Protein backbone atom coordinates (compact mmCIF):
# COMPACT_ATOMS: atom_id res chain seq x y z
CA UNK A 1 75.75 140.90 43.21
CA UNK A 2 76.61 137.01 41.89
CA UNK A 3 80.28 136.23 39.65
CA UNK A 4 79.02 134.47 36.32
CA UNK A 5 82.64 134.71 35.17
CA UNK A 6 86.16 136.14 36.16
CA UNK A 7 85.09 139.08 33.70
CA UNK A 8 81.05 139.44 33.99
CA UNK A 9 79.52 140.39 37.22
CA UNK A 10 75.53 140.02 37.68
CA UNK A 11 73.29 142.16 39.13
CA UNK A 12 69.97 143.39 39.64
CA UNK A 13 68.52 146.70 38.99
CA UNK A 14 68.28 147.69 42.56
CA UNK A 15 71.94 146.44 43.13
CA UNK A 16 73.55 148.23 40.39
CA UNK A 17 71.66 151.39 39.92
CA UNK A 18 69.98 152.22 43.41
CA UNK A 19 66.21 152.68 44.17
CA UNK A 20 63.88 152.23 41.00
CA UNK A 21 60.63 154.29 40.74
CA UNK A 22 57.53 152.92 40.74
CA UNK A 23 57.49 152.71 36.52
CA UNK A 24 61.28 151.52 36.38
CA UNK A 25 60.45 148.63 38.85
CA UNK A 26 57.85 147.35 36.13
CA UNK A 27 60.11 147.93 33.02
CA UNK A 28 63.05 146.22 34.39
CA UNK A 29 65.01 143.17 33.33
CA UNK A 30 65.51 140.95 36.53
CA UNK A 31 69.11 141.27 35.54
CA UNK A 32 71.93 143.12 33.98
CA UNK A 33 75.02 142.15 32.87
CA UNK A 34 78.57 144.18 33.53
CA UNK A 35 81.80 143.89 32.25
CA UNK A 36 84.33 146.51 33.49
CA UNK A 37 83.89 148.63 36.47
CA UNK A 38 81.28 148.04 37.70
CA UNK A 39 81.94 151.04 39.99
CA UNK A 40 80.72 153.46 37.61
CA UNK A 41 77.07 153.65 37.91
CA UNK A 42 77.56 154.76 41.42
CA UNK A 43 79.23 157.85 40.70
CA UNK A 44 77.61 160.81 39.57
CA UNK A 45 76.70 162.48 37.66
CA UNK A 46 76.09 160.06 34.78
CA UNK A 47 75.14 161.91 31.12
CA UNK A 48 73.34 159.85 27.80
CA UNK A 49 75.22 161.05 25.11
CA UNK A 50 73.19 158.99 21.93
CA UNK A 51 72.10 159.92 18.57
CA UNK A 52 71.89 158.53 14.89
CA UNK A 53 73.90 156.12 13.71
CA UNK A 54 74.22 157.58 10.33
CA UNK A 55 75.06 160.92 12.27
CA UNK A 56 76.33 163.99 9.61
CA UNK A 57 80.03 165.32 10.38
CA UNK A 58 78.41 168.36 12.52
CA UNK A 59 76.22 165.81 14.65
CA UNK A 60 79.60 163.79 15.35
CA UNK A 61 81.34 167.05 15.94
CA UNK A 62 79.20 168.03 18.36
CA UNK A 63 78.37 164.80 20.21
CA UNK A 64 82.35 164.65 20.39
CA UNK A 65 82.20 168.36 22.06
CA UNK A 66 79.83 167.74 24.26
CA UNK A 67 81.19 164.43 25.43
CA UNK A 68 84.78 166.88 26.01
CA UNK A 69 82.67 169.38 27.91
CA UNK A 70 80.89 166.42 30.00
CA UNK A 71 84.25 165.17 31.13
CA UNK A 72 86.18 168.24 31.91
CA UNK A 73 83.04 168.94 34.63
CA UNK A 74 83.45 165.67 36.02
CA UNK A 75 80.88 163.36 34.11
CA UNK A 76 80.40 159.76 33.37
CA UNK A 77 79.38 159.48 29.51
CA UNK A 78 76.50 156.74 29.26
CA UNK A 79 76.06 155.50 25.51
CA UNK A 80 75.41 152.85 23.16
CA UNK A 81 78.22 150.93 21.56
CA UNK A 82 76.33 152.01 18.13
CA UNK A 83 78.00 153.68 15.27
CA UNK A 84 77.98 157.42 14.41
CA UNK A 85 77.20 159.51 17.84
CA UNK A 86 77.65 156.81 20.72
CA UNK A 87 81.13 155.52 19.47
CA UNK A 88 82.00 159.59 18.77
CA UNK A 89 80.36 160.62 22.41
CA UNK A 90 82.86 157.44 24.18
CA UNK A 91 85.96 158.43 22.23
CA UNK A 92 85.90 161.88 22.43
CA UNK A 93 85.04 161.07 25.99
CA UNK A 94 88.08 158.43 26.58
CA UNK A 95 90.51 160.86 24.60
CA UNK A 96 89.72 163.13 27.19
CA UNK A 97 90.65 161.22 29.58
CA UNK A 98 87.08 160.16 30.47
CA UNK A 99 85.53 157.61 31.57
CA UNK A 100 81.85 155.89 30.10
CA UNK A 101 79.77 153.47 30.22
CA UNK A 102 78.50 151.60 26.91
CA UNK A 103 74.90 149.93 27.36
CA UNK A 104 73.87 147.31 24.62
CA UNK A 105 70.42 145.33 24.72
CA UNK A 106 72.49 142.15 23.51
CA UNK A 107 74.23 139.83 25.78
CA UNK A 108 77.80 140.64 26.28
CA UNK A 109 78.97 137.86 24.27
CA UNK A 110 77.62 138.30 21.42
CA UNK A 111 80.27 139.59 17.82
CA UNK A 112 78.40 143.27 18.13
CA UNK A 113 80.56 144.38 20.65
CA UNK A 114 83.84 142.47 18.96
CA UNK A 115 83.57 145.59 16.14
CA UNK A 116 84.36 147.85 18.70
CA UNK A 117 86.73 146.00 20.46
CA UNK A 118 89.81 148.04 19.97
CA UNK A 119 88.44 151.13 21.94
CA UNK A 120 85.80 149.90 24.11
CA UNK A 121 88.01 148.03 26.57
CA UNK A 122 87.99 151.45 27.91
CA UNK A 123 84.48 151.46 29.06
CA UNK A 124 81.89 149.88 31.11
CA UNK A 125 79.60 147.67 29.39
CA UNK A 126 76.38 147.06 30.40
CA UNK A 127 73.61 144.97 29.09
């Protein structure tokens, strides 16, 4: 791990996630950038909740319900930071007192995150 700024840390995938299988080794990026509590990546269980950006009201309700149940069972909720299901999953997990990991495919300093800053401070962001 190396520090790139006071709030962004750089890891190899192996440092952050542990041993990778053969396919993961071939397809993983050389570096992952993390803002927030990187120890969340070592906590178990971690469960991804993903879905449509243009989710139905029922889809949002289900994402909120499953996220709340996951938190009650000690899981870290992992999702993107897009609108729709991703946002519902994070907000419900945080409201239930849980921790979340937000995964994005863009640089951490892009304005994409600014749209979610009001609530995304409660989760760990990984690029």
